[in-house]
PDB file of N, CA and C in Angstrom:
ATOM      1  N   UNK A   1     120.136 101.540  95.088  1.00  0.00           N
ATOM      2  CA  UNK A   1     118.997 102.377  95.022  1.00  0.00           C
ATOM      3  C   UNK A   1     118.639 102.788  96.453  1.00  0.00           C
ATOM      4  N   UNK A   2     118.488 104.083  96.645  1.00  0.00           N
ATOM      5  CA  UNK A   2     118.191 104.622  97.995  1.00  0.00           C
ATOM      6  C   UNK A   2     116.653 104.750  98.086  1.00  0.00           C
ATOM      7  N   UNK A   3     116.068 103.947  98.983  1.00  0.00           N
ATOM      8  CA  UNK A   3     114.596 103.947  99.154  1.00  0.00           C
ATOM      9  C   UNK A   3     114.112 105.200  99.904  1.00  0.00           C
ATOM     10  N   UNK A   4     115.054 106.034 100.412  1.00  0.00           N
ATOM     11  CA  UNK A   4     114.666 107.217 101.133  1.00  0.00           C
ATOM     12  C   UNK A   4     114.783 108.509 100.315  1.00  0.00           C
ATOM     13  N   UNK A   5     115.006 108.330  98.982  1.00  0.00           N
ATOM     14  CA  UNK A   5     115.010 109.517  98.104  1.00  0.00           C
ATOM     15  C   UNK A   5     113.573 110.099  98.053  1.00  0.00           C
ATOM     16  N   UNK A   6     113.504 111.379  98.122  1.00  0.00           N
ATOM     17  CA  UNK A   6     112.179 112.060  98.021  1.00  0.00           C
ATOM     18  C   UNK A   6     111.790 112.018  96.574  1.00  0.00           C
ATOM     19  N   UNK A   7     110.549 111.522  96.310  1.00  0.00           N
ATOM     20  CA  UNK A   7     110.113 111.452  94.887  1.00  0.00           C
ATOM     21  C   UNK A   7     109.135 112.576  94.526  1.00  0.00           C
ATOM     22  N   UNK A   8     108.351 113.073  95.520  1.00  0.00           N
ATOM     23  CA  UNK A   8     107.568 114.291  95.340  1.00  0.00           C
ATOM     24  C   UNK A   8     107.073 114.692  96.723  1.00  0.00           C
ATOM     25  N   UNK A   9     106.961 116.005  96.898  1.00  0.00           N
ATOM     26  CA  UNK A   9     106.575 116.534  98.214  1.00  0.00           C
ATOM     27  C   UNK A   9     107.524 116.003  99.302  1.00  0.00           C
ATOM     28  N   UNK A  10     106.963 115.352 100.281  1.00  0.00           N
ATOM     29  CA  UNK A  10     107.781 114.733 101.311  1.00  0.00           C
ATOM     30  C   UNK A  10     107.716 113.204 101.199  1.00  0.00           C
ATOM     31  N   UNK A  11     107.145 112.702 100.081  1.00  0.00           N
ATOM     32  CA  UNK A  11     106.973 111.276  99.853  1.00  0.00           C
ATOM     33  C   UNK A  11     108.260 110.649  99.352  1.00  0.00           C
ATOM     34  N   UNK A  12     108.695 109.630 100.077  1.00  0.00           N
ATOM     35  CA  UNK A  12     109.870 108.830  99.647  1.00  0.00           C
ATOM     36  C   UNK A  12     109.385 107.536  98.975  1.00  0.00           C
ATOM     37  N   UNK A  13     110.312 106.895  98.274  1.00  0.00           N
ATOM     38  CA  UNK A  13     109.918 105.603  97.663  1.00  0.00           C
ATOM     39  C   UNK A  13     109.541 104.606  98.749  1.00  0.00           C
ATOM     40  N   UNK A  14     110.254 104.647  99.855  1.00  0.00           N
ATOM     41  CA  UNK A  14     109.931 103.736 100.970  1.00  0.00           C
ATOM     42  C   UNK A  14     108.511 104.011 101.512  1.00  0.00           C
ATOM     43  N   UNK A  15     108.179 105.283 101.660  1.00  0.00           N
ATOM     44  CA  UNK A  15     106.836 105.580 102.177  1.00  0.00           C
ATOM     45  C   UNK A  15     105.742 105.239 101.162  1.00  0.00           C
ATOM     46  N   UNK A  16     106.070 105.343  99.883  1.00  0.00           N
ATOM     47  CA  UNK A  16     105.112 104.925  98.816  1.00  0.00           C
ATOM     48  C   UNK A  16     104.833 103.438  98.932  1.00  0.00           C
ATOM     49  N   UNK A  17     105.887 102.617  99.076  1.00  0.00           N
ATOM     50  CA  UNK A  17     105.737 101.230  99.252  1.00  0.00           C
ATOM     51  C   UNK A  17     104.946 100.895 100.520  1.00  0.00           C
ATOM     52  N   UNK A  18     105.198 101.621 101.571  1.00  0.00           N
ATOM     53  CA  UNK A  18     104.435 101.430 102.821  1.00  0.00           C
ATOM     54  C   UNK A  18     102.966 101.753 102.631  1.00  0.00           C
ATOM     55  N   UNK A  19     102.680 102.814 101.883  1.00  0.00           N
ATOM     56  CA  UNK A  19     101.290 103.184 101.585  1.00  0.00           C
ATOM     57  C   UNK A  19     100.584 102.064 100.811  1.00  0.00           C
ATOM     58  N   UNK A  20     101.290 101.502  99.838  1.00  0.00           N
ATOM     59  CA  UNK A  20     100.712 100.409  99.066  1.00  0.00           C
ATOM     60  C   UNK A  20     100.352  99.218  99.987  1.00  0.00           C
ATOM     61  N   UNK A  21     101.262  98.864 100.839  1.00  0.00           N
ATOM     62  CA  UNK A  21     101.026  97.789 101.770  1.00  0.00           C
ATOM     63  C   UNK A  21      99.921  98.084 102.720  1.00  0.00           C
ATOM     64  N   UNK A  22      99.910  99.273 103.349  1.00  0.00           N
ATOM     65  CA  UNK A  22      98.869  99.639 104.254  1.00  0.00           C
ATOM     66  C   UNK A  22      97.498  99.716 103.587  1.00  0.00           C
ATOM     67  N   UNK A  23      97.421 100.253 102.432  1.00  0.00           N
ATOM     68  CA  UNK A  23      96.196 100.329 101.636  1.00  0.00           C
ATOM     69  C   UNK A  23      95.608  98.948 101.408  1.00  0.00           C
ATOM     70  N   UNK A  24      96.468  98.036 101.029  1.00  0.00           N
ATOM     71  CA  UNK A  24      96.075  96.647 100.771  1.00  0.00           C
ATOM     72  C   UNK A  24      95.490  96.003 102.030  1.00  0.00           C
ATOM     73  N   UNK A  25      96.189  96.154 103.158  1.00  0.00           N
ATOM     74  CA  UNK A  25      95.738  95.598 104.416  1.00  0.00           C
ATOM     75  C   UNK A  25      94.450  96.234 104.884  1.00  0.00           C
ATOM     76  N   UNK A  26      94.384  97.575 104.813  1.00  0.00           N
ATOM     77  CA  UNK A  26      93.157  98.263 105.267  1.00  0.00           C
ATOM     78  C   UNK A  26      91.958  97.872 104.404  1.00  0.00           C
ATOM     79  N   UNK A  27      92.181  97.794 103.083  1.00  0.00           N
ATOM     80  CA  UNK A  27      91.090  97.404 102.204  1.00  0.00           C
ATOM     81  C   UNK A  27      90.623  95.991 102.542  1.00  0.00           C
ATOM     82  N   UNK A  28      91.514  95.099 102.791  1.00  0.00           N
ATOM     83  CA  UNK A  28      91.179  93.717 103.163  1.00  0.00           C
ATOM     84  C   UNK A  28      90.318  93.708 104.463  1.00  0.00           C
ATOM     85  N   UNK A  29      90.714  94.493 105.456  1.00  0.00           N
ATOM     86  CA  UNK A  29      89.915  94.538 106.692  1.00  0.00           C
ATOM     87  C   UNK A  29      88.575  95.172 106.467  1.00  0.00           C
ATOM     88  N   UNK A  30      88.495  96.239 105.661  1.00  0.00           N
ATOM     89  CA  UNK A  30      87.219  96.918 105.383  1.00  0.00           C
ATOM     90  C   UNK A  30      86.264  95.981 104.675  1.00  0.00           C
ATOM     91  N   UNK A  31      86.763  95.236 103.688  1.00  0.00           N
ATOM     92  CA  UNK A  31      85.920  94.323 102.935  1.00  0.00           C
ATOM     93  C   UNK A  31      85.389  93.208 103.859  1.00  0.00           C
ATOM     94  N   UNK A  32      86.253  92.748 104.704  1.00  0.00           N
ATOM     95  CA  UNK A  32      85.814  91.698 105.658  1.00  0.00           C
ATOM     96  C   UNK A  32      84.738  92.196 106.560  1.00  0.00           C
ATOM     97  N   UNK A  33      84.939  93.393 107.097  1.00  0.00           N
ATOM     98  CA  UNK A  33      83.962  94.003 107.996  1.00  0.00           C
ATOM     99  C   UNK A  33      82.625  94.256 107.290  1.00  0.00           C
ATOM    100  N   UNK A  34      82.715  94.705 106.077  1.00  0.00           N
ATOM    101  CA  UNK A  34      81.500  94.992 105.264  1.00  0.00           C
ATOM    102  C   UNK A  34      80.775  93.652 105.029  1.00  0.00           C
ATOM    103  N   UNK A  35      81.458  92.625 104.680  1.00  0.00           N
ATOM    104  CA  UNK A  35      80.790  91.339 104.448  1.00  0.00           C
ATOM    105  C   UNK A  35      80.106  90.838 105.693  1.00  0.00           C
ATOM    106  N   UNK A  36      80.748  90.977 106.843  1.00  0.00           N
ATOM    107  CA  UNK A  36      80.179  90.530 108.098  1.00  0.00           C
ATOM    108  C   UNK A  36      78.908  91.340 108.365  1.00  0.00           C
ATOM    109  N   UNK A  37      78.924  92.688 108.149  1.00  0.00           N
ATOM    110  CA  UNK A  37      77.790  93.526 108.404  1.00  0.00           C
ATOM    111  C   UNK A  37      76.659  93.169 107.441  1.00  0.00           C
ATOM    112  N   UNK A  38      76.955  92.976 106.161  1.00  0.00           N
ATOM    113  CA  UNK A  38      75.960  92.667 105.175  1.00  0.00           C
ATOM    114  C   UNK A  38      75.324  91.313 105.426  1.00  0.00           C
ATOM    115  N   UNK A  39      76.148  90.377 105.885  1.00  0.00           N
ATOM    116  CA  UNK A  39      75.655  89.035 106.148  1.00  0.00           C
ATOM    117  C   UNK A  39      74.497  89.049 107.162  1.00  0.00           C
ATOM    118  N   UNK A  40      74.602  89.910 108.152  1.00  0.00           N
ATOM    119  CA  UNK A  40      73.567  90.036 109.177  1.00  0.00           C
ATOM    120  C   UNK A  40      72.303  90.720 108.636  1.00  0.00           C
ATOM    121  N   UNK A  41      72.395  91.483 107.545  1.00  0.00           N
ATOM    122  CA  UNK A  41      71.270  92.163 106.983  1.00  0.00           C
ATOM    123  C   UNK A  41      70.502  91.379 105.918  1.00  0.00           C
ATOM    124  N   UNK A  42      71.107  90.347 105.429  1.00  0.00           N
ATOM    125  CA  UNK A  42      70.547  89.559 104.318  1.00  0.00           C
ATOM    126  C   UNK A  42      69.695  88.461 104.896  1.00  0.00           C
ATOM    127  N   UNK A  43      68.406  88.508 104.572  1.00  0.00           N
ATOM    128  CA  UNK A  43      67.471  87.508 105.067  1.00  0.00           C
ATOM    129  C   UNK A  43      66.946  86.528 104.001  1.00  0.00           C
ATOM    130  N   UNK A  44      67.147  86.912 102.755  1.00  0.00           N
ATOM    131  CA  UNK A  44      66.717  86.026 101.700  1.00  0.00           C
ATOM    132  C   UNK A  44      67.599  86.218 100.440  1.00  0.00           C
ATOM    133  N   UNK A  45      67.527  85.297  99.493  1.00  0.00           N
ATOM    134  CA  UNK A  45      68.418  85.365  98.306  1.00  0.00           C
ATOM    135  C   UNK A  45      68.216  86.660  97.505  1.00  0.00           C
ATOM    136  N   UNK A  46      67.017  87.204  97.459  1.00  0.00           N
ATOM    137  CA  UNK A  46      66.748  88.457  96.719  1.00  0.00           C
ATOM    138  C   UNK A  46      67.566  89.635  97.267  1.00  0.00           C
ATOM    139  N   UNK A  47      67.701  89.693  98.613  1.00  0.00           N
ATOM    140  CA  UNK A  47      68.468  90.731  99.216  1.00  0.00           C
ATOM    141  C   UNK A  47      69.956  90.575  98.915  1.00  0.00           C
ATOM    142  N   UNK A  48      70.382  89.307  98.863  1.00  0.00           N
ATOM    143  CA  UNK A  48      71.786  89.060  98.531  1.00  0.00           C
ATOM    144  C   UNK A  48      72.107  89.504  97.129  1.00  0.00           C
ATOM    145  N   UNK A  49      71.195  89.282  96.206  1.00  0.00           N
ATOM    146  CA  UNK A  49      71.374  89.690  94.819  1.00  0.00           C
ATOM    147  C   UNK A  49      71.505  91.216  94.735  1.00  0.00           C
ATOM    148  N   UNK A  50      70.843  91.953  95.585  1.00  0.00           N
ATOM    149  CA  UNK A  50      70.957  93.421  95.571  1.00  0.00           C
ATOM    150  C   UNK A  50      72.279  93.912  96.173  1.00  0.00           C
ATOM    151  N   UNK A  51      72.789  93.187  97.184  1.00  0.00           N
ATOM    152  CA  UNK A  51      73.998  93.631  97.905  1.00  0.00           C
ATOM    153  C   UNK A  51      75.262  93.272  97.142  1.00  0.00           C
ATOM    154  N   UNK A  52      75.309  92.187  96.454  1.00  0.00           N
ATOM    155  CA  UNK A  52      76.559  91.754  95.807  1.00  0.00           C
ATOM    156  C   UNK A  52      77.136  92.762  94.826  1.00  0.00           C
ATOM    157  N   UNK A  53      76.337  93.419  93.941  1.00  0.00           N
ATOM    158  CA  UNK A  53      76.924  94.418  93.040  1.00  0.00           C
ATOM    159  C   UNK A  53      77.523  95.602  93.791  1.00  0.00           C
ATOM    160  N   UNK A  54      76.933  95.976  94.900  1.00  0.00           N
ATOM    161  CA  UNK A  54      77.525  97.107  95.679  1.00  0.00           C
ATOM    162  C   UNK A  54      78.862  96.721  96.229  1.00  0.00           C
ATOM    163  N   UNK A  55      78.932  95.533  96.755  1.00  0.00           N
ATOM    164  CA  UNK A  55      80.191  95.008  97.318  1.00  0.00           C
ATOM    165  C   UNK A  55      81.243  94.839  96.207  1.00  0.00           C
ATOM    166  N   UNK A  56      80.859  94.358  95.081  1.00  0.00           N
ATOM    167  CA  UNK A  56      81.747  94.152  93.921  1.00  0.00           C
ATOM    168  C   UNK A  56      82.281  95.492  93.475  1.00  0.00           C
ATOM    169  N   UNK A  57      81.544  96.536  93.419  1.00  0.00           N
ATOM    170  CA  UNK A  57      81.978  97.862  92.995  1.00  0.00           C
ATOM    171  C   UNK A  57      82.996  98.410  94.018  1.00  0.00           C
ATOM    172  N   UNK A  58      82.763  98.226  95.234  1.00  0.00           N
ATOM    173  CA  UNK A  58      83.690  98.683  96.274  1.00  0.00           C
ATOM    174  C   UNK A  58      85.027  97.940  96.184  1.00  0.00           C
ATOM    175  N   UNK A  59      84.962  96.658  95.982  1.00  0.00           N
ATOM    176  CA  UNK A  59      86.203  95.836  95.862  1.00  0.00           C
ATOM    177  C   UNK A  59      86.944  96.284  94.611  1.00  0.00           C
ATOM    178  N   UNK A  60      86.268  96.420  93.479  1.00  0.00           N
ATOM    179  CA  UNK A  60      86.932  96.832  92.264  1.00  0.00           C
ATOM    180  C   UNK A  60      87.618  98.198  92.349  1.00  0.00           C
ATOM    181  N   UNK A  61      86.976  99.121  93.004  1.00  0.00           N
ATOM    182  CA  UNK A  61      87.589 100.447  93.128  1.00  0.00           C
ATOM    183  C   UNK A  61      88.838 100.378  94.011  1.00  0.00           C
ATOM    184  N   UNK A  62      88.809  99.553  94.998  1.00  0.00           N
ATOM    185  CA  UNK A  62      90.002  99.347  95.849  1.00  0.00           C
ATOM    186  C   UNK A  62      91.172  98.698  95.041  1.00  0.00           C
ATOM    187  N   UNK A  63      90.831  97.725  94.245  1.00  0.00           N
ATOM    188  CA  UNK A  63      91.840  97.055  93.405  1.00  0.00           C
ATOM    189  C   UNK A  63      92.452  98.033  92.444  1.00  0.00           C
ATOM    190  N   UNK A  64      91.606  98.851  91.756  1.00  0.00           N
ATOM    191  CA  UNK A  64      92.135  99.834  90.801  1.00  0.00           C
ATOM    192  C   UNK A  64      93.020 100.857  91.482  1.00  0.00           C
ATOM    193  N   UNK A  65      92.680 101.276  92.687  1.00  0.00           N
ATOM    194  CA  UNK A  65      93.518 102.200  93.414  1.00  0.00           C
ATOM    195  C   UNK A  65      94.872 101.605  93.727  1.00  0.00           C
ATOM    196  N   UNK A  66      94.839 100.352  94.216  1.00  0.00           N
ATOM    197  CA  UNK A  66      96.105  99.649  94.506  1.00  0.00           C
ATOM    198  C   UNK A  66      96.949  99.443  93.264  1.00  0.00           C
ATOM    199  N   UNK A  67      96.341  99.105  92.147  1.00  0.00           N
ATOM    200  CA  UNK A  67      97.064  98.873  90.885  1.00  0.00           C
ATOM    201  C   UNK A  67      97.717 100.189  90.470  1.00  0.00           C
ATOM    202  N   UNK A  68      97.029 101.326  90.599  1.00  0.00           N
ATOM    203  CA  UNK A  68      97.597 102.593  90.200  1.00  0.00           C
ATOM    204  C   UNK A  68      98.820 102.928  91.063  1.00  0.00           C
ATOM    205  N   UNK A  69      98.752 102.639  92.373  1.00  0.00           N
ATOM    206  CA  UNK A  69      99.872 102.937  93.270  1.00  0.00           C
ATOM    207  C   UNK A  69     101.075 101.992  92.874  1.00  0.00           C
ATOM    208  N   UNK A  70     100.755 100.817  92.551  1.00  0.00           N
ATOM    209  CA  UNK A  70     101.834  99.828  92.203  1.00  0.00           C
ATOM    210  C   UNK A  70     102.498 100.252  90.884  1.00  0.00           C
ATOM    211  N   UNK A  71     101.734 100.797  89.921  1.00  0.00           N
ATOM    212  CA  UNK A  71     102.291 101.268  88.647  1.00  0.00           C
ATOM    213  C   UNK A  71     103.195 102.474  88.909  1.00  0.00           C
ATOM    214  N   UNK A  72     102.720 103.358  89.828  1.00  0.00           N
ATOM    215  CA  UNK A  72     103.520 104.558  90.173  1.00  0.00           C
ATOM    216  C   UNK A  72     104.826 104.115  90.852  1.00  0.00           C
ATOM    217  N   UNK A  73     104.754 103.106  91.701  1.00  0.00           N
ATOM    218  CA  UNK A  73     105.991 102.621  92.318  1.00  0.00           C
ATOM    219  C   UNK A  73     106.952 102.030  91.278  1.00  0.00           C
ATOM    220  N   UNK A  74     106.414 101.330  90.282  1.00  0.00           N
ATOM    221  CA  UNK A  74     107.252 100.769  89.224  1.00  0.00           C
ATOM    222  C   UNK A  74     107.973 101.875  88.413  1.00  0.00           C
ATOM    223  N   UNK A  75     107.204 102.911  88.131  1.00  0.00           N
ATOM    224  CA  UNK A  75     107.820 104.046  87.376  1.00  0.00           C
ATOM    225  C   UNK A  75     108.897 104.694  88.174  1.00  0.00           C
ATOM    226  N   UNK A  76     108.635 104.963  89.455  1.00  0.00           N
ATOM    227  CA  UNK A  76     109.641 105.590  90.322  1.00  0.00           C
ATOM    228  C   UNK A  76     110.855 104.691  90.479  1.00  0.00           C
ATOM    229  N   UNK A  77     110.604 103.386  90.639  1.00  0.00           N
ATOM    230  CA  UNK A  77     111.735 102.450  90.835  1.00  0.00           C
ATOM    231  C   UNK A  77     112.602 102.455  89.539  1.00  0.00           C
ATOM    232  N   UNK A  78     111.958 102.457  88.372  1.00  0.00           N
ATOM    233  CA  UNK A  78     112.702 102.479  87.125  1.00  0.00           C
ATOM    234  C   UNK A  78     113.581 103.785  87.060  1.00  0.00           C
ATOM    235  N   UNK A  79     112.930 104.898  87.431  1.00  0.00           N
ATOM    236  CA  UNK A  79     113.648 106.173  87.374  1.00  0.00           C
ATOM    237  C   UNK A  79     114.802 106.178  88.342  1.00  0.00           C
ATOM    238  N   UNK A  80     114.585 105.612  89.543  1.00  0.00           N
ATOM    239  CA  UNK A  80     115.633 105.595  90.574  1.00  0.00           C
ATOM    240  C   UNK A  80     116.803 104.708  90.151  1.00  0.00           C
ATOM    241  N   UNK A  81     116.518 103.663  89.388  1.00  0.00           N
ATOM    242  CA  UNK A  81     117.621 102.756  89.029  1.00  0.00           C
ATOM    243  C   UNK A  81     118.426 103.302  87.845  1.00  0.00           C
ATOM    244  N   UNK A  82     117.851 104.336  87.137  1.00  0.00           N
ATOM    245  CA  UNK A  82     118.621 104.973  86.048  1.00  0.00           C
ATOM    246  C   UNK A  82     119.680 105.873  86.651  1.00  0.00           C
ATOM    247  N   UNK A  83     120.815 105.820  86.111  1.00  0.00           N
ATOM    248  CA  UNK A  83     121.906 106.653  86.613  1.00  0.00           C
ATOM    249  C   UNK A  83     121.809 108.038  86.033  1.00  0.00           C
ATOM    250  N   UNK A  84     121.121 108.912  86.704  1.00  0.00           N
ATOM    251  CA  UNK A  84     120.895 110.247  86.186  1.00  0.00           C
ATOM    252  C   UNK A  84     122.123 111.157  86.311  1.00  0.00           C
ATOM    253  N   UNK A  85     122.986 110.813  87.233  1.00  0.00           N
ATOM    254  CA  UNK A  85     124.183 111.685  87.432  1.00  0.00           C
ATOM    255  C   UNK A  85     125.103 111.705  86.192  1.00  0.00           C
ATOM    256  N   UNK A  86     125.227 110.552  85.537  1.00  0.00           N
ATOM    257  CA  UNK A  86     126.091 110.494  84.348  1.00  0.00           C
ATOM    258  C   UNK A  86     125.408 111.084  83.140  1.00  0.00           C
ATOM    259  N   UNK A  87     124.088 111.081  83.121  1.00  0.00           N
ATOM    260  CA  UNK A  87     123.342 111.620  82.002  1.00  0.00           C
ATOM    261  C   UNK A  87     123.135 113.145  82.168  1.00  0.00           C
ATOM    262  N   UNK A  88     123.077 113.573  83.402  1.00  0.00           N
ATOM    263  CA  UNK A  88     122.828 114.998  83.692  1.00  0.00           C
ATOM    264  C   UNK A  88     121.404 115.404  83.295  1.00  0.00           C
ATOM    265  N   UNK A  89     120.518 114.399  83.156  1.00  0.00           N
ATOM    266  CA  UNK A  89     119.156 114.707  82.745  1.00  0.00           C
ATOM    267  C   UNK A  89     118.144 114.682  83.897  1.00  0.00           C
ATOM    268  N   UNK A  90     116.904 114.707  83.521  1.00  0.00           N
ATOM    269  CA  UNK A  90     115.830 114.649  84.501  1.00  0.00           C
ATOM    270  C   UNK A  90     115.816 113.270  85.172  1.00  0.00           C
ATOM    271  N   UNK A  91     115.161 113.303  86.363  1.00  0.00           N
ATOM    272  CA  UNK A  91     114.979 112.076  87.115  1.00  0.00           C
ATOM    273  C   UNK A  91     114.041 111.107  86.383  1.00  0.00           C
ATOM    274  N   UNK A  92     113.032 111.656  85.702  1.00  0.00           N
ATOM    275  CA  UNK A  92     112.101 110.830  84.984  1.00  0.00           C
ATOM    276  C   UNK A  92     112.101 111.279  83.507  1.00  0.00           C
ATOM    277  N   UNK A  93     111.933 110.317  82.600  1.00  0.00           N
ATOM    278  CA  UNK A  93     111.803 110.695  81.158  1.00  0.00           C
ATOM    279  C   UNK A  93     110.421 111.294  80.969  1.00  0.00           C
ATOM    280  N   UNK A  94     110.199 111.934  79.831  1.00  0.00           N
ATOM    281  CA  UNK A  94     108.930 112.543  79.535  1.00  0.00           C
ATOM    282  C   UNK A  94     107.816 111.475  79.504  1.00  0.00           C
ATOM    283  N   UNK A  95     108.159 110.277  78.960  1.00  0.00           N
ATOM    284  CA  UNK A  95     107.191 109.214  78.918  1.00  0.00           C
ATOM    285  C   UNK A  95     106.809 108.762  80.297  1.00  0.00           C
ATOM    286  N   UNK A  96     107.820 108.602  81.166  1.00  0.00           N
ATOM    287  CA  UNK A  96     107.564 108.214  82.534  1.00  0.00           C
ATOM    288  C   UNK A  96     106.722 109.253  83.310  1.00  0.00           C
ATOM    289  N   UNK A  97     107.007 110.522  83.013  1.00  0.00           N
ATOM    290  CA  UNK A  97     106.199 111.587  83.663  1.00  0.00           C
ATOM    291  C   UNK A  97     104.756 111.509  83.231  1.00  0.00           C
ATOM    292  N   UNK A  98     104.558 111.314  81.967  1.00  0.00           N
ATOM    293  CA  UNK A  98     103.171 111.223  81.460  1.00  0.00           C
ATOM    294  C   UNK A  98     102.490 110.008  82.044  1.00  0.00           C
ATOM    295  N   UNK A  99     103.129 108.864  82.120  1.00  0.00           N
ATOM    296  CA  UNK A  99     102.521 107.661  82.775  1.00  0.00           C
ATOM    297  C   UNK A  99     102.181 107.942  84.202  1.00  0.00           C
ATOM    298  N   UNK A 100     103.092 108.630  84.910  1.00  0.00           N
ATOM    299  CA  UNK A 100     102.875 108.895  86.334  1.00  0.00           C
ATOM    300  C   UNK A 100     101.665 109.844  86.469  1.00  0.00           C
ATOM    301  N   UNK A 101     101.577 110.888  85.695  1.00  0.00           N
ATOM    302  CA  UNK A 101     100.436 111.826  85.791  1.00  0.00           C
ATOM    303  C   UNK A 101      99.139 111.139  85.398  1.00  0.00           C
ATOM    304  N   UNK A 102      99.214 110.242  84.413  1.00  0.00           N
ATOM    305  CA  UNK A 102      98.027 109.484  83.998  1.00  0.00           C
ATOM    306  C   UNK A 102      97.500 108.645  85.161  1.00  0.00           C
ATOM    307  N   UNK A 103      98.418 108.020  85.887  1.00  0.00           N
ATOM    308  CA  UNK A 103      98.015 107.191  87.056  1.00  0.00           C
ATOM    309  C   UNK A 103      97.449 108.068  88.148  1.00  0.00           C
ATOM    310  N   UNK A 104      98.016 109.246  88.378  1.00  0.00           N
ATOM    311  CA  UNK A 104      97.522 110.122  89.385  1.00  0.00           C
ATOM    312  C   UNK A 104      96.112 110.614  89.031  1.00  0.00           C
ATOM    313  N   UNK A 105      95.844 110.887  87.754  1.00  0.00           N
ATOM    314  CA  UNK A 105      94.522 111.278  87.345  1.00  0.00           C
ATOM    315  C   UNK A 105      93.528 110.155  87.580  1.00  0.00           C
ATOM    316  N   UNK A 106      93.931 108.928  87.455  1.00  0.00           N
ATOM    317  CA  UNK A 106      93.070 107.783  87.673  1.00  0.00           C
ATOM    318  C   UNK A 106      92.724 107.635  89.169  1.00  0.00           C
ATOM    319  N   UNK A 107      93.698 107.965  90.002  1.00  0.00           N
ATOM    320  CA  UNK A 107      93.494 107.786  91.451  1.00  0.00           C
ATOM    321  C   UNK A 107      92.549 108.806  91.999  1.00  0.00           C
ATOM    322  N   UNK A 108      92.575 110.027  91.545  1.00  0.00           N
ATOM    323  CA  UNK A 108      91.722 111.091  92.074  1.00  0.00           C
ATOM    324  C   UNK A 108      90.283 110.744  92.142  1.00  0.00           C
ATOM    325  N   UNK A 109      89.648 110.248  91.057  1.00  0.00           N
ATOM    326  CA  UNK A 109      88.245 109.878  91.133  1.00  0.00           C
ATOM    327  C   UNK A 109      87.987 108.723  92.081  1.00  0.00           C
ATOM    328  N   UNK A 110      88.963 107.803  92.192  1.00  0.00           N
ATOM    329  CA  UNK A 110      88.801 106.625  93.058  1.00  0.00           C
ATOM    330  C   UNK A 110      88.799 107.032  94.551  1.00  0.00           C
ATOM    331  N   UNK A 111      89.552 108.121  94.900  1.00  0.00           N
ATOM    332  CA  UNK A 111      89.599 108.580  96.251  1.00  0.00           C
ATOM    333  C   UNK A 111      88.210 109.057  96.699  1.00  0.00           C
ATOM    334  N   UNK A 112      87.452 109.654  95.781  1.00  0.00           N
ATOM    335  CA  UNK A 112      86.162 110.117  96.088  1.00  0.00           C
ATOM    336  C   UNK A 112      85.182 108.970  96.399  1.00  0.00           C
ATOM    337  N   UNK A 113      85.424 107.791  95.823  1.00  0.00           N
ATOM    338  CA  UNK A 113      84.567 106.639  96.103  1.00  0.00           C
ATOM    339  C   UNK A 113      84.779 106.058  97.458  1.00  0.00           C
ATOM    340  N   UNK A 114      85.977 106.212  98.007  1.00  0.00           N
ATOM    341  CA  UNK A 114      86.366 105.537  99.267  1.00  0.00           C
ATOM    342  C   UNK A 114      85.963 106.456 100.401  1.00  0.00           C
TER     343      UNK A 114
END
């Protein structure tokens, strides 16, 4: 399997995996920084109760975004491992294409949250 195959636009499978890794690391750093900042603003338990749901929503949106990218990588990896040259068919099956587009539609609203 060639990790440098272009899967869409100028995006390669290798760069998709790199994006997944970088997103995970960046999200981890952002969450840590946010917790440190919020910790300094919380003076009593009531304030903590107000802040925790905000933090939870931010963490969940990051996790969903990462999950969508990982699903996309799985679909692309499956398609890359299929020997399309002997079949003479498309790189992705119709079902794989629909799953890929479904994941892309899920990512778009999450980008607006970040």
